[in-house]
Amino acid sequence: MKDFYTKILDNNKEWVENSLAKDPNYFQDLAKGQTPPLLWIGCSDSRVPANEIIGAKPGEVFVHRNIANMVVHSDMNMLSVLDYAVNVLKVKHVLVCGHYGCGGVKAAMGNDSIGIIDNWIRHIKDVYRLHDTYLNSITDETERFNAFVEINVKEQVFDLAKTSIVQAAWRNGQDLTLHGWVYGLNSGFVTDLKVNISSEKDLDEVYQLRF
């Protein structure tokens, strides 16, 4: 543990040195402020680094992460991040990104008790319940798992579109588009789920064609 801790401190020093070697003003410029065009709502999984997946630099992506990339209307953490991103930073895109092999989604497919996280998993189970007829019709377990990951992302995008924050932005004519992706851990590629919503009208049209 001590060796690991020492290593990450050394890594930080090396990163600073390399960054300054490329641009002596790198950190001074970062400290002036941020104007990211994108809010990323992703999973807490350590294998899904938002910036690296899309080749973004520090300052280009505002990030919120939780178990299974959920948009829960009572989650003040998520709502605070969303409000700041939309109303202060004026991001133009909000992206919900799930990933195949998501442990939270997998847990929601079973009945085992994990601990306090059971309360969070309940929200994911609610998504399954909404689509249980379709999901239960998929006999292959891996295919069902992958389908559930995709459905969960779509439902989070729809829930995002229904928040008062996003609704108000659209009513005020703000340029704001919502997207849903799934990241492949074993490939590195993302799948665009084609739920690109930039208005209440888009929401109605996409929702009707969602599955």
Protein backbone atom coordinates (compact mmCIF):
# COMPACT_ATOMS: atom_id res chain seq x y z
CA MET A 1 0.00 0.00 0.00
CA LYS A 2 2.83 2.40 0.91
CA ASP A 3 4.62 1.64 -2.37
CA PHE A 4 1.43 2.36 -4.31
CA TYR A 5 0.85 5.65 -2.48
CA THR A 6 4.44 6.76 -3.09
CA LYS A 7 4.11 5.79 -6.74
CA ILE A 8 1.04 7.94 -7.37
CA LEU A 9 2.76 10.94 -5.77
CA ASP A 10 5.73 10.37 -8.06
CA ASN A 11 3.36 10.02 -11.02
CA ASN A 12 1.86 13.41 -10.22
CA LYS A 13 5.27 15.07 -10.23
CA GLU A 14 6.13 13.42 -13.52
CA TRP A 15 2.82 14.51 -15.06
CA VAL A 16 3.38 18.11 -13.98
CA GLU A 17 6.89 18.12 -15.41
CA ASN A 18 5.76 16.63 -18.72
CA SER A 19 2.85 19.06 -19.00
CA LEU A 20 5.08 22.06 -18.34
CA ALA A 21 7.66 20.80 -20.81
CA LYS A 22 5.00 20.89 -23.51
CA ASP A 23 3.49 24.20 -22.40
CA PRO A 24 5.05 26.37 -19.66
CA ASN A 25 1.69 28.14 -19.16
CA TYR A 26 -0.37 24.94 -19.02
CA PHE A 27 -1.52 25.20 -15.40
CA GLN A 28 -1.76 28.98 -15.39
CA ASP A 29 -4.16 28.80 -18.31
CA LEU A 30 -6.22 26.04 -16.65
CA ALA A 31 -6.53 28.12 -13.48
CA LYS A 32 -8.19 30.98 -15.39
CA GLY A 33 -11.50 29.08 -15.64
CA GLN A 34 -13.38 26.40 -17.53
CA THR A 35 -15.74 26.47 -20.49
CA PRO A 36 -16.38 22.79 -21.23
CA PRO A 37 -18.91 22.10 -24.01
CA LEU A 38 -19.87 18.73 -22.50
CA LEU A 39 -21.29 17.29 -19.28
CA TRP A 40 -20.52 13.58 -18.98
CA ILE A 41 -22.74 11.48 -16.74
CA GLY A 42 -21.02 8.12 -16.48
CA CYS A 43 -20.45 5.10 -14.30
CA SER A 44 -18.01 5.17 -11.39
CA ASP A 45 -16.24 2.12 -12.84
CA SER A 46 -12.49 2.77 -12.85
CA ARG A 47 -12.18 1.32 -16.36
CA VAL A 48 -14.30 4.06 -17.95
CA PRO A 49 -12.25 7.32 -17.89
CA ALA A 50 -14.33 10.04 -19.50
CA ASN A 51 -11.53 12.25 -20.84
CA GLU A 52 -9.42 9.44 -22.24
CA ILE A 53 -12.28 7.72 -24.06
CA ILE A 54 -13.00 10.79 -26.17
CA GLY A 55 -9.48 12.19 -26.30
CA ALA A 56 -10.43 15.32 -24.33
CA LYS A 57 -8.05 17.56 -22.42
CA PRO A 58 -8.53 18.87 -18.88
CA GLY A 59 -11.10 21.66 -19.01
CA GLU A 60 -13.09 20.14 -21.88
CA VAL A 61 -15.41 17.78 -19.98
CA PHE A 62 -17.47 18.42 -16.84
CA VAL A 63 -17.97 15.04 -15.19
CA HIS A 64 -20.47 13.39 -12.87
CA ARG A 65 -20.16 9.68 -12.09
CA ASN A 66 -22.17 7.24 -10.01
CA ILE A 67 -22.96 3.53 -9.94
CA ALA A 68 -24.52 2.60 -13.33
CA ASN A 69 -24.70 6.20 -14.62
CA MET A 70 -28.09 6.90 -13.10
CA VAL A 71 -30.19 10.05 -13.36
CA VAL A 72 -32.25 9.96 -10.17
CA HIS A 73 -34.58 12.91 -9.65
CA SER A 74 -34.00 12.96 -5.90
CA ASP A 75 -30.21 12.88 -6.21
CA MET A 76 -29.14 16.39 -5.22
CA ASN A 77 -25.53 15.66 -6.15
CA MET A 78 -26.44 14.86 -9.75
CA LEU A 79 -28.96 17.73 -9.94
CA SER A 80 -26.42 20.22 -8.59
CA VAL A 81 -23.86 19.14 -11.18
CA LEU A 82 -26.48 19.32 -13.93
CA ASP A 83 -27.69 22.75 -12.83
CA TYR A 84 -24.17 24.17 -12.72
CA ALA A 85 -23.26 22.64 -16.08
CA VAL A 86 -26.39 23.88 -17.85
CA ASN A 87 -27.00 27.24 -16.19
CA VAL A 88 -23.49 28.43 -15.34
CA LEU A 89 -21.10 26.67 -17.69
CA LYS A 90 -23.69 26.65 -20.50
CA VAL A 91 -22.65 23.27 -21.84
CA LYS A 92 -24.15 22.39 -25.20
CA HIS A 93 -24.13 18.62 -24.76
CA VAL A 94 -25.01 16.26 -21.92
CA LEU A 95 -23.92 12.69 -22.48
CA VAL A 96 -25.05 9.67 -20.48
CA CYS A 97 -22.46 6.94 -21.02
CA GLY A 98 -22.96 3.42 -19.73
CA HIS A 99 -20.73 0.45 -20.40
CA TYR A 100 -21.12 -3.22 -21.18
CA GLY A 101 -20.23 -5.39 -18.23
CA CYS A 102 -21.55 -2.84 -15.72
CA GLY A 103 -21.55 -4.36 -12.23
CA GLY A 104 -24.45 -2.21 -11.04
CA VAL A 105 -26.66 -3.28 -13.92
CA LYS A 106 -25.64 -6.90 -13.39
CA ALA A 107 -26.52 -6.69 -9.69
CA ALA A 108 -29.96 -5.33 -10.59
CA MET A 109 -30.63 -8.48 -12.60
CA GLY A 110 -30.29 -10.66 -9.50
CA ASN A 111 -31.68 -10.83 -5.99
CA ASP A 112 -28.51 -11.01 -3.92
CA SER A 113 -28.06 -8.45 -1.14
CA ILE A 114 -24.82 -6.50 -1.49
CA GLY A 115 -25.21 -4.01 1.34
CA ILE A 116 -26.13 -0.35 1.42
CA ILE A 117 -25.81 -0.22 -2.36
CA ASP A 118 -29.04 -2.27 -2.51
CA ASN A 119 -30.89 1.03 -2.06
CA TRP A 120 -29.23 2.48 -5.15
CA ILE A 121 -29.64 -0.73 -7.15
CA ARG A 122 -33.40 -0.40 -6.56
CA HIS A 123 -33.49 2.44 -9.09
CA ILE A 124 -31.89 0.19 -11.70
CA LYS A 125 -34.30 -2.61 -10.88
CA ASP A 126 -37.15 -0.20 -11.60
CA VAL A 127 -35.80 0.18 -15.15
CA TYR A 128 -35.79 -3.60 -15.56
CA ARG A 129 -39.36 -3.77 -14.30
CA LEU A 130 -40.46 -1.31 -16.99
CA HIS A 131 -39.03 -3.57 -19.69
CA ASP A 132 -39.22 -7.01 -18.12
CA THR A 133 -41.38 -8.50 -20.88
CA TYR A 134 -38.83 -7.63 -23.54
CA LEU A 135 -35.75 -8.44 -21.44
CA ASN A 136 -37.12 -11.75 -20.20
CA SER A 137 -37.78 -12.76 -23.80
CA ILE A 138 -34.02 -12.72 -24.47
CA THR A 139 -32.87 -16.24 -23.67
CA ASP A 140 -29.11 -15.66 -23.92
CA GLU A 141 -27.95 -14.20 -20.61
CA THR A 142 -25.13 -12.12 -22.10
CA GLU A 143 -27.40 -10.65 -24.75
CA ARG A 144 -29.99 -9.84 -22.08
CA PHE A 145 -27.31 -8.17 -19.96
CA ASN A 146 -26.11 -6.06 -22.89
CA ALA A 147 -29.66 -5.12 -23.82
CA PHE A 148 -30.36 -4.04 -20.25
CA VAL A 149 -27.23 -1.86 -20.23
CA GLU A 150 -28.47 -0.11 -23.38
CA ILE A 151 -32.03 0.26 -22.11
CA ASN A 152 -30.79 1.69 -18.84
CA VAL A 153 -28.80 4.38 -20.66
CA LYS A 154 -31.80 5.31 -22.82
CA GLU A 155 -34.06 5.60 -19.80
CA GLN A 156 -31.53 7.83 -18.03
CA VAL A 157 -31.44 10.13 -21.06
CA PHE A 158 -35.24 10.32 -21.00
CA ASP A 159 -35.21 11.04 -17.26
CA LEU A 160 -32.58 13.72 -17.87
CA ALA A 161 -34.83 15.32 -20.47
CA LYS A 162 -37.67 15.46 -17.93
CA THR A 163 -35.72 17.35 -15.27
CA SER A 164 -36.84 20.91 -14.59
CA ILE A 165 -33.30 22.07 -15.34
CA VAL A 166 -33.24 20.74 -18.89
CA GLN A 167 -36.88 21.65 -19.54
CA ALA A 168 -36.26 25.26 -18.49
CA ALA A 169 -33.15 25.47 -20.68
CA TRP A 170 -35.13 24.36 -23.72
CA ARG A 171 -37.98 26.77 -22.96
CA ASN A 172 -35.42 29.58 -22.81
CA GLY A 173 -34.08 28.61 -26.22
CA GLN A 174 -30.76 27.30 -24.92
CA ASP A 175 -28.71 25.16 -27.28
CA LEU A 176 -28.61 21.87 -25.38
CA THR A 177 -28.59 18.32 -26.74
CA LEU A 178 -28.74 15.08 -24.78
CA HIS A 179 -27.06 11.87 -25.94
CA GLY A 180 -26.77 8.23 -24.90
CA TRP A 181 -23.72 6.02 -25.42
CA VAL A 182 -22.48 2.64 -24.31
CA TYR A 183 -18.75 2.00 -23.99
CA GLY A 184 -17.21 -1.37 -24.81
CA LEU A 185 -14.66 -2.39 -22.20
CA ASN A 186 -13.23 -5.08 -24.48
CA SER A 187 -12.95 -2.88 -27.56
CA GLY A 188 -12.59 0.75 -26.48
CA PHE A 189 -15.29 1.82 -28.93
CA VAL A 190 -18.53 3.55 -28.01
CA THR A 191 -21.98 2.77 -29.42
CA ASP A 192 -24.22 5.75 -30.10
CA LEU A 193 -27.71 4.65 -29.05
CA LYS A 194 -29.33 7.31 -31.29
CA VAL A 195 -31.22 9.02 -28.49
CA ASN A 196 -30.15 12.54 -29.40
CA ILE A 197 -32.65 14.97 -27.89
CA SER A 198 -32.49 18.75 -28.18
CA SER A 199 -36.10 19.80 -27.48
CA GLU A 200 -39.34 18.65 -25.91
CA LYS A 201 -40.56 17.76 -29.41
CA ASP A 202 -37.50 15.57 -29.93
CA LEU A 203 -38.20 13.88 -26.62
CA ASP A 204 -41.71 12.90 -27.68
CA GLU A 205 -40.55 11.61 -31.06
CA VAL A 206 -37.54 9.66 -29.77
CA TYR A 207 -39.47 8.24 -26.84
CA GLN A 208 -42.06 6.73 -29.18
CA LEU A 209 -39.31 5.05 -31.22
CA ARG A 210 -37.07 4.12 -28.30
CA PHE A 211 -37.25 0.30 -28.57
